Amino acid sequence: MSEATKVSLPVFYGQKAGMTRIFDESGKHVPVTVVKLIPNVISQVKTAEKDGYEAYQVAYYEKREKLVSNPLKGHLKKANVDKNFARFSEIRTNDVTQENLGKEVSLEAFAPQTFIDVTGVSKGKGFQGVIKRHNFAGGPMAHGSTFHRTTGSIGNRATPGRVFPQKKMPGHMGVDTKTVQNLQVVEINEEQGYMLIKGSVPGAKNGFVRIAKAIKKA
């Protein structure tokens, strides 16, 4: 698809492929995250008159036809999209137009050296105690101690006689939506379908990430 038939937006969705390292022109070692570039197609246009706000709905992550439900197939067909996408997200923007329905999202706004914010779902750690989950110090590790890695006191007498909400306790850790700000694009290669981002981004291998222009840096 030519650039003339694409739409430039400040956000796109990719798939984390893993991490590696490269060496810059001065020979310095640079750790980078590899993001697989996948098609992002506008599947719905939301307007202030009809929906109360302006946004583009973007479809991505193509699946086999039989793995996509009939309602989604009908939704994509209405937008003149011939691929079987299974994930959808909205991108708020101004001056939306119905003419962009069915067009692919361009990556021209993400040239090398561009600062970006990357959002992903962090890795799941399962059920964890307070030392791993909240970085508690714990107690003495001596044999005579009866307090090693436990929580400690969580209440305060008969008044109020209950545990306050948001108390730091053992529980499920991970699988949280995290955003890392002010990362930098090192390289983007649309022909081979990858982007290199300096540093690490949230999520596991093959997880989806939202890449947006940085809100704190130009």
C-alpha atoms as a PDB file:
ATOM      1  CA  MET A   1       0.000   0.000   0.000  1.00  0.00           C
ATOM      2  CA  SER A   2       1.419   3.358  -1.039  1.00  0.00           C
ATOM      3  CA  GLU A   3       1.941   6.234   1.392  1.00  0.00           C
ATOM      4  CA  ALA A   4      -0.736   8.209  -0.444  1.00  0.00           C
ATOM      5  CA  THR A   5      -3.372   5.704   0.669  1.00  0.00           C
ATOM      6  CA  LYS A   6      -2.196   5.660   4.289  1.00  0.00           C
ATOM      7  CA  VAL A   7      -3.200   7.855   7.222  1.00  0.00           C
ATOM      8  CA  SER A   8      -0.646   9.421   9.564  1.00  0.00           C
ATOM      9  CA  LEU A   9      -1.662   9.046  13.221  1.00  0.00           C
ATOM     10  CA  PRO A  10       0.282   9.687  16.458  1.00  0.00           C
ATOM     11  CA  VAL A  11      -0.313   6.108  17.658  1.00  0.00           C
ATOM     12  CA  PHE A  12       0.094   2.604  16.276  1.00  0.00           C
ATOM     13  CA  TYR A  13       0.098  -0.944  17.642  1.00  0.00           C
ATOM     14  CA  GLY A  14       2.898  -3.466  17.291  1.00  0.00           C
ATOM     15  CA  GLN A  15       4.005  -6.804  18.679  1.00  0.00           C
ATOM     16  CA  LYS A  16       7.008  -7.212  20.944  1.00  0.00           C
ATOM     17  CA  ALA A  17       9.496  -9.641  19.394  1.00  0.00           C
ATOM     18  CA  GLY A  18      12.202  -9.591  22.078  1.00  0.00           C
ATOM     19  CA  MET A  19      15.412  -7.745  22.901  1.00  0.00           C
ATOM     20  CA  THR A  20      18.863  -7.559  21.383  1.00  0.00           C
ATOM     21  CA  ARG A  21      21.716  -5.078  21.154  1.00  0.00           C
ATOM     22  CA  ILE A  22      23.325  -2.989  18.465  1.00  0.00           C
ATOM     23  CA  PHE A  23      26.385  -0.766  18.241  1.00  0.00           C
ATOM     24  CA  ASP A  24      26.059   2.865  17.223  1.00  0.00           C
ATOM     25  CA  GLU A  25      28.416   4.832  14.986  1.00  0.00           C
ATOM     26  CA  SER A  26      30.813   5.514  17.865  1.00  0.00           C
ATOM     27  CA  GLY A  27      30.922   1.840  18.829  1.00  0.00           C
ATOM     28  CA  LYS A  28      28.792   2.156  21.953  1.00  0.00           C
ATOM     29  CA  HIS A  29      26.627  -0.763  22.956  1.00  0.00           C
ATOM     30  CA  VAL A  30      22.890   0.077  22.782  1.00  0.00           C
ATOM     31  CA  PRO A  31      20.271  -2.337  24.218  1.00  0.00           C
ATOM     32  CA  VAL A  32      17.138  -2.295  22.068  1.00  0.00           C
ATOM     33  CA  THR A  33      13.679  -3.843  22.021  1.00  0.00           C
ATOM     34  CA  VAL A  34      12.556  -5.280  18.692  1.00  0.00           C
ATOM     35  CA  VAL A  35       8.931  -4.529  17.802  1.00  0.00           C
ATOM     36  CA  LYS A  36       7.292  -6.387  14.943  1.00  0.00           C
ATOM     37  CA  LEU A  37       5.369  -4.027  12.670  1.00  0.00           C
ATOM     38  CA  ILE A  38       1.873  -5.322  11.953  1.00  0.00           C
ATOM     39  CA  PRO A  39      -0.855  -3.757   9.776  1.00  0.00           C
ATOM     40  CA  ASN A  40      -3.057  -1.176  11.530  1.00  0.00           C
ATOM     41  CA  VAL A  41      -6.238  -0.406   9.578  1.00  0.00           C
ATOM     42  CA  ILE A  42      -8.964   2.138  10.364  1.00  0.00           C
ATOM     43  CA  SER A  43     -12.114   0.077  10.893  1.00  0.00           C
ATOM     44  CA  GLN A  44     -14.473   2.782  12.171  1.00  0.00           C
ATOM     45  CA  VAL A  45     -14.688   6.576  12.218  1.00  0.00           C
ATOM     46  CA  LYS A  46     -16.308   8.159  15.270  1.00  0.00           C
ATOM     47  CA  THR A  47     -17.595  11.717  14.924  1.00  0.00           C
ATOM     48  CA  ALA A  48     -18.805  14.323  17.403  1.00  0.00           C
ATOM     49  CA  GLU A  49     -22.233  14.448  15.746  1.00  0.00           C
ATOM     50  CA  LYS A  50     -22.908  10.726  16.025  1.00  0.00           C
ATOM     51  CA  ASP A  51     -20.745   9.516  18.917  1.00  0.00           C
ATOM     52  CA  GLY A  52     -20.069  12.663  20.957  1.00  0.00           C
ATOM     53  CA  TYR A  53     -16.330  12.639  20.296  1.00  0.00           C
ATOM     54  CA  GLU A  54     -13.872  12.237  17.436  1.00  0.00           C
ATOM     55  CA  ALA A  55     -11.687   9.160  17.099  1.00  0.00           C
ATOM     56  CA  TYR A  56     -10.541   6.425  14.769  1.00  0.00           C
ATOM     57  CA  GLN A  57     -11.043   2.785  15.652  1.00  0.00           C
ATOM     58  CA  VAL A  58      -7.973   0.826  14.549  1.00  0.00           C
ATOM     59  CA  ALA A  59      -8.014  -2.902  13.832  1.00  0.00           C
ATOM     60  CA  TYR A  60      -4.866  -5.044  14.073  1.00  0.00           C
ATOM     61  CA  TYR A  61      -3.627  -8.615  14.725  1.00  0.00           C
ATOM     62  CA  GLU A  62      -4.745 -10.712  11.786  1.00  0.00           C
ATOM     63  CA  LYS A  63      -6.053 -14.244  12.430  1.00  0.00           C
ATOM     64  CA  ARG A  64      -7.290 -17.134  10.331  1.00  0.00           C
ATOM     65  CA  GLU A  65     -10.815 -16.600   9.056  1.00  0.00           C
ATOM     66  CA  LYS A  66     -12.429 -19.336  11.152  1.00  0.00           C
ATOM     67  CA  LEU A  67     -10.979 -17.840  14.362  1.00  0.00           C
ATOM     68  CA  VAL A  68     -12.801 -14.521  13.868  1.00  0.00           C
ATOM     69  CA  SER A  69     -16.472 -14.244  14.849  1.00  0.00           C
ATOM     70  CA  ASN A  70     -19.159 -13.388  12.306  1.00  0.00           C
ATOM     71  CA  PRO A  71     -20.039 -10.040  13.961  1.00  0.00           C
ATOM     72  CA  LEU A  72     -16.395  -8.931  13.634  1.00  0.00           C
ATOM     73  CA  LYS A  73     -16.290 -10.100  10.022  1.00  0.00           C
ATOM     74  CA  GLY A  74     -19.384  -8.012   9.323  1.00  0.00           C
ATOM     75  CA  HIS A  75     -17.864  -5.013  11.072  1.00  0.00           C
ATOM     76  CA  LEU A  76     -14.695  -5.283   8.975  1.00  0.00           C
ATOM     77  CA  LYS A  77     -16.668  -5.823   5.775  1.00  0.00           C
ATOM     78  CA  LYS A  78     -18.619  -2.632   6.439  1.00  0.00           C
ATOM     79  CA  ALA A  79     -15.291  -0.770   6.581  1.00  0.00           C
ATOM     80  CA  ASN A  80     -14.106  -2.415   3.322  1.00  0.00           C
ATOM     81  CA  VAL A  81     -11.354  -4.283   5.166  1.00  0.00           C
ATOM     82  CA  ASP A  82     -10.591  -7.647   3.575  1.00  0.00           C
ATOM     83  CA  LYS A  83      -8.373  -8.974   6.400  1.00  0.00           C
ATOM     84  CA  ASN A  84      -9.555 -10.877   9.479  1.00  0.00           C
ATOM     85  CA  PHE A  85      -8.440  -8.679  12.360  1.00  0.00           C
ATOM     86  CA  ALA A  86      -9.219  -9.693  15.932  1.00  0.00           C
ATOM     87  CA  ARG A  87      -8.156  -6.721  18.070  1.00  0.00           C
ATOM     88  CA  PHE A  88      -9.521  -3.181  18.078  1.00  0.00           C
ATOM     89  CA  SER A  89      -8.495   0.042  19.810  1.00  0.00           C
ATOM     90  CA  GLU A  90      -9.466   3.686  19.588  1.00  0.00           C
ATOM     91  CA  ILE A  91      -7.164   6.585  18.818  1.00  0.00           C
ATOM     92  CA  ARG A  92      -8.483  10.012  19.783  1.00  0.00           C
ATOM     93  CA  THR A  93      -7.651  12.664  17.210  1.00  0.00           C
ATOM     94  CA  ASN A  94      -9.113  15.793  15.694  1.00  0.00           C
ATOM     95  CA  ASP A  95     -10.369  16.420  12.155  1.00  0.00           C
ATOM     96  CA  VAL A  96     -11.476  12.858  11.501  1.00  0.00           C
ATOM     97  CA  THR A  97     -12.941  12.137   8.095  1.00  0.00           C
ATOM     98  CA  GLN A  98     -15.012   9.277   6.729  1.00  0.00           C
ATOM     99  CA  GLU A  99     -12.724   9.123   3.701  1.00  0.00           C
ATOM    100  CA  ASN A 100     -10.025   7.432   5.813  1.00  0.00           C
ATOM    101  CA  LEU A 101     -12.227   4.414   6.584  1.00  0.00           C
ATOM    102  CA  GLY A 102     -10.407   1.231   5.539  1.00  0.00           C
ATOM    103  CA  LYS A 103      -7.030   2.915   5.126  1.00  0.00           C
ATOM    104  CA  GLU A 104      -3.835   1.666   6.746  1.00  0.00           C
ATOM    105  CA  VAL A 105      -2.016   3.676   9.418  1.00  0.00           C
ATOM    106  CA  SER A 106       1.257   5.233   8.261  1.00  0.00           C
ATOM    107  CA  LEU A 107       4.472   5.160  10.316  1.00  0.00           C
ATOM    108  CA  GLU A 108       5.942   8.378   8.927  1.00  0.00           C
ATOM    109  CA  ALA A 109       5.581  10.071  12.341  1.00  0.00           C
ATOM    110  CA  PHE A 110       8.011   7.602  13.948  1.00  0.00           C
ATOM    111  CA  ALA A 111      11.322   8.353  12.286  1.00  0.00           C
ATOM    112  CA  PRO A 112      14.601   7.449  14.054  1.00  0.00           C
ATOM    113  CA  GLN A 113      15.434   9.659  17.077  1.00  0.00           C
ATOM    114  CA  THR A 114      11.708  10.266  17.716  1.00  0.00           C
ATOM    115  CA  PHE A 115      10.690  10.144  21.379  1.00  0.00           C
ATOM    116  CA  ILE A 116       7.809   7.791  22.136  1.00  0.00           C
ATOM    117  CA  ASP A 117       5.698   6.439  25.001  1.00  0.00           C
ATOM    118  CA  VAL A 118       5.201   2.665  24.968  1.00  0.00           C
ATOM    119  CA  THR A 119       2.305   0.948  26.756  1.00  0.00           C
ATOM    120  CA  GLY A 120       2.015  -2.783  27.340  1.00  0.00           C
ATOM    121  CA  VAL A 121       0.770  -5.384  29.804  1.00  0.00           C
ATOM    122  CA  SER A 122       3.485  -6.437  32.251  1.00  0.00           C
ATOM    123  CA  LYS A 123       4.480 -10.049  32.757  1.00  0.00           C
ATOM    124  CA  GLY A 124       2.438 -12.055  35.255  1.00  0.00           C
ATOM    125  CA  LYS A 125       4.266 -13.140  38.432  1.00  0.00           C
ATOM    126  CA  GLY A 126       1.444 -15.114  40.055  1.00  0.00           C
ATOM    127  CA  PHE A 127       0.656 -14.921  43.780  1.00  0.00           C
ATOM    128  CA  GLN A 128       3.560 -13.265  45.607  1.00  0.00           C
ATOM    129  CA  GLY A 129       4.391 -12.214  49.134  1.00  0.00           C
ATOM    130  CA  VAL A 130       5.008  -8.702  50.398  1.00  0.00           C
ATOM    131  CA  ILE A 131       8.803  -8.820  49.999  1.00  0.00           C
ATOM    132  CA  LYS A 132       8.669  -9.490  46.259  1.00  0.00           C
ATOM    133  CA  ARG A 133       5.414  -7.612  45.616  1.00  0.00           C
ATOM    134  CA  HIS A 134       5.964  -4.464  47.707  1.00  0.00           C
ATOM    135  CA  ASN A 135       9.706  -4.577  48.463  1.00  0.00           C
ATOM    136  CA  PHE A 136       9.274  -5.064  52.231  1.00  0.00           C
ATOM    137  CA  ALA A 137      12.500  -5.508  54.181  1.00  0.00           C
ATOM    138  CA  GLY A 138      11.445  -8.646  56.083  1.00  0.00           C
ATOM    139  CA  GLY A 139      12.804  -9.763  59.429  1.00  0.00           C
ATOM    140  CA  PRO A 140      16.069 -11.267  60.710  1.00  0.00           C
ATOM    141  CA  MET A 141      17.154 -14.453  58.969  1.00  0.00           C
ATOM    142  CA  ALA A 142      18.645 -15.916  62.201  1.00  0.00           C
ATOM    143  CA  HIS A 143      17.417 -19.336  63.337  1.00  0.00           C
ATOM    144  CA  GLY A 144      15.834 -17.968  66.499  1.00  0.00           C
ATOM    145  CA  SER A 145      13.730 -15.420  64.660  1.00  0.00           C
ATOM    146  CA  THR A 146      10.085 -16.204  64.073  1.00  0.00           C
ATOM    147  CA  PHE A 147       9.698 -13.339  61.623  1.00  0.00           C
ATOM    148  CA  HIS A 148      11.404 -13.879  58.268  1.00  0.00           C
ATOM    149  CA  ARG A 149       9.353 -13.031  55.163  1.00  0.00           C
ATOM    150  CA  THR A 150       5.878 -12.549  56.605  1.00  0.00           C
ATOM    151  CA  THR A 151       3.671  -9.478  56.398  1.00  0.00           C
ATOM    152  CA  GLY A 152       3.800  -8.300  60.004  1.00  0.00           C
ATOM    153  CA  SER A 153       1.060  -6.413  61.820  1.00  0.00           C
ATOM    154  CA  ILE A 154      -1.805  -5.242  59.611  1.00  0.00           C
ATOM    155  CA  GLY A 155      -4.311  -3.938  62.179  1.00  0.00           C
ATOM    156  CA  ASN A 156      -4.499  -1.512  65.090  1.00  0.00           C
ATOM    157  CA  ARG A 157      -6.429  -2.801  68.127  1.00  0.00           C
ATOM    158  CA  ALA A 158     -10.199  -2.937  68.493  1.00  0.00           C
ATOM    159  CA  THR A 159     -10.568   0.515  66.986  1.00  0.00           C
ATOM    160  CA  PRO A 160     -11.181   0.644  64.083  1.00  0.00           C
ATOM    161  CA  GLY A 161     -11.185  -3.150  64.292  1.00  0.00           C
ATOM    162  CA  ARG A 162     -10.648  -3.689  60.607  1.00  0.00           C
ATOM    163  CA  VAL A 163      -7.961  -3.623  57.937  1.00  0.00           C
ATOM    164  CA  PHE A 164      -7.972  -0.460  55.847  1.00  0.00           C
ATOM    165  CA  PRO A 165      -8.443  -0.763  52.084  1.00  0.00           C
ATOM    166  CA  GLN A 166      -5.312  -0.577  49.907  1.00  0.00           C
ATOM    167  CA  LYS A 167      -3.201  -2.167  52.641  1.00  0.00           C
ATOM    168  CA  LYS A 168      -0.064  -3.667  51.128  1.00  0.00           C
ATOM    169  CA  MET A 169      -0.659  -7.411  51.337  1.00  0.00           C
ATOM    170  CA  PRO A 170       0.349 -10.604  49.537  1.00  0.00           C
ATOM    171  CA  GLY A 171      -1.553 -11.143  46.303  1.00  0.00           C
ATOM    172  CA  HIS A 172      -1.495 -11.367  42.543  1.00  0.00           C
ATOM    173  CA  MET A 173       1.448  -9.576  40.966  1.00  0.00           C
ATOM    174  CA  GLY A 174       1.898  -8.450  37.383  1.00  0.00           C
ATOM    175  CA  VAL A 175      -0.506  -8.334  34.395  1.00  0.00           C
ATOM    176  CA  ASP A 176      -0.820  -4.562  34.848  1.00  0.00           C
ATOM    177  CA  THR A 177      -1.001  -1.962  32.096  1.00  0.00           C
ATOM    178  CA  LYS A 178       2.307  -0.102  32.238  1.00  0.00           C
ATOM    179  CA  THR A 179       3.625   2.853  30.238  1.00  0.00           C
ATOM    180  CA  VAL A 180       7.300   3.732  29.801  1.00  0.00           C
ATOM    181  CA  GLN A 181       7.762   7.317  28.686  1.00  0.00           C
ATOM    182  CA  ASN A 182      10.406   9.096  26.637  1.00  0.00           C
ATOM    183  CA  LEU A 183      11.942   6.096  24.914  1.00  0.00           C
ATOM    184  CA  GLN A 184      13.622   6.697  21.582  1.00  0.00           C
ATOM    185  CA  VAL A 185      13.262   5.084  18.182  1.00  0.00           C
ATOM    186  CA  VAL A 186      16.646   3.808  17.004  1.00  0.00           C
ATOM    187  CA  GLU A 187      15.665   2.298  13.670  1.00  0.00           C
ATOM    188  CA  ILE A 188      12.523   1.551  11.683  1.00  0.00           C
ATOM    189  CA  ASN A 189      12.492  -0.792   8.702  1.00  0.00           C
ATOM    190  CA  GLU A 190       9.082  -1.153   7.093  1.00  0.00           C
ATOM    191  CA  GLU A 191      10.367  -3.444   4.329  1.00  0.00           C
ATOM    192  CA  GLN A 192      11.527  -6.079   6.806  1.00  0.00           C
ATOM    193  CA  GLY A 193       8.783  -5.184   9.288  1.00  0.00           C
ATOM    194  CA  TYR A 194      10.568  -4.206  12.487  1.00  0.00           C
ATOM    195  CA  MET A 195      11.300  -1.241  14.745  1.00  0.00           C
ATOM    196  CA  LEU A 196      14.157  -0.911  17.240  1.00  0.00           C
ATOM    197  CA  ILE A 197      13.449   1.016  20.444  1.00  0.00           C
ATOM    198  CA  LYS A 198      16.211   2.010  22.840  1.00  0.00           C
ATOM    199  CA  GLY A 199      15.735   0.290  26.205  1.00  0.00           C
ATOM    200  CA  SER A 200      13.091  -2.121  27.441  1.00  0.00           C
ATOM    201  CA  VAL A 201       9.324  -1.974  27.114  1.00  0.00           C
ATOM    202  CA  PRO A 202       6.612  -3.659  29.231  1.00  0.00           C
ATOM    203  CA  GLY A 203       5.270  -7.084  28.401  1.00  0.00           C
ATOM    204  CA  ALA A 204       6.321 -10.536  27.354  1.00  0.00           C
ATOM    205  CA  LYS A 205       7.480 -11.761  23.976  1.00  0.00           C
ATOM    206  CA  ASN A 206       4.680 -11.640  21.361  1.00  0.00           C
ATOM    207  CA  GLY A 207       2.682  -9.248  23.558  1.00  0.00           C
ATOM    208  CA  PHE A 208       1.021  -6.230  21.971  1.00  0.00           C
ATOM    209  CA  VAL A 209       2.337  -2.738  22.644  1.00  0.00           C
ATOM    210  CA  ARG A 210       0.873   0.703  22.007  1.00  0.00           C
ATOM    211  CA  ILE A 211       3.458   3.099  20.605  1.00  0.00           C
ATOM    212  CA  ALA A 212       2.582   6.802  20.749  1.00  0.00           C
ATOM    213  CA  LYS A 213       4.382  10.089  20.231  1.00  0.00           C
ATOM    214  CA  ALA A 214       5.838  11.226  23.585  1.00  0.00           C
ATOM    215  CA  ILE A 215       3.628  13.694  25.432  1.00  0.00           C
ATOM    216  CA  LYS A 216       6.515  15.204  27.420  1.00  0.00           C
ATOM    217  CA  LYS A 217       9.089  15.539  24.643  1.00  0.00           C
ATOM    218  CA  ALA A 218       8.846  16.775  21.084  1.00  0.00           C
END
